[in-house]
């Protein structure tokens, strides 16, 4: 006996489900590599803001849900924009990216960028962080669309603005910003203006090919490695005086762990010099970022 024809409603549900799963896959492909630099640390800092309010744990799930959605849109908008303007560069440096492998067309990525950015703005307004949402959009527009990424100062300035927008929004989603919160934000965001150039060591050949003037291209690889080794060796001392000197013991102990990780980065950047090693070293910097913000939870908690 022949099977009965599939109902139109079932077909529509199947098409919608398939489309939704494809969008989730595309979103994941654009965003997954940057979660430890965006979603994880920003959400952690929001937990620190929640801890500072000394409210009940019942409020925490909503904070986590809001931050997960907001900061996923934060990185998704940037990566759509950034990868749209860097397809040829990615063919050399990151051939696994969605636009290079053909997972989505440039036109499809532009369409998604428009709608995701609009959604990001609406959510920023709903959560009361519209000013930080706009700051981040301005930063990545400057970085990607107006050539900021091709100059040393422009790329780093955009990343500083983006980090301020990220951490300020994370805190403000939960509670108004305080001087203590701003101390933590400044201690992390301002030094990032030079430390973030660590990521450029892995992409020197591609950057030269497309005319991008990163620190490694302008000052030379050897000089940059020496600078980063010195900077990551000295940064824990600055962090001690800025945020850990009067912090509770648990926060200080996590700060010590972060300092040890910073010393590992300093060693690796001098001694391990191939592209794979440089990529791992940069990932360790993002782990340092997460660990440092985890210590903020203990610093602001009861």
Foldseek 3Di string as FASTA:
>chain_A
DDDDDDDPVVVVVVVVVVVVVLVVVLLCLLAVVCCLQWLQLLLLLLLLLVQLVVDDPVPNVVLNVLSNLLRSLLRSLLSLLQCLQCVVLCVPQPCSHCCNVVSDDNVRSVVVNVVSLVVNQVSCVVLVLNVLSVQLVVLSCCCRVVPLQQEAQSNLVSQLSNLLSSNCSSNSSRPHDDPLSVLVSCLPSVVSSLLVLLLVLLRVVSSVVVNRDHPCNPVNLQVSLQVLLVCLQCSLVVCCVRRNVPFDPVLVVLSVVLSVLSNVLSVQSNPPRHNVSSVVSVVSVSVSSSSNSNSSSRRSHD
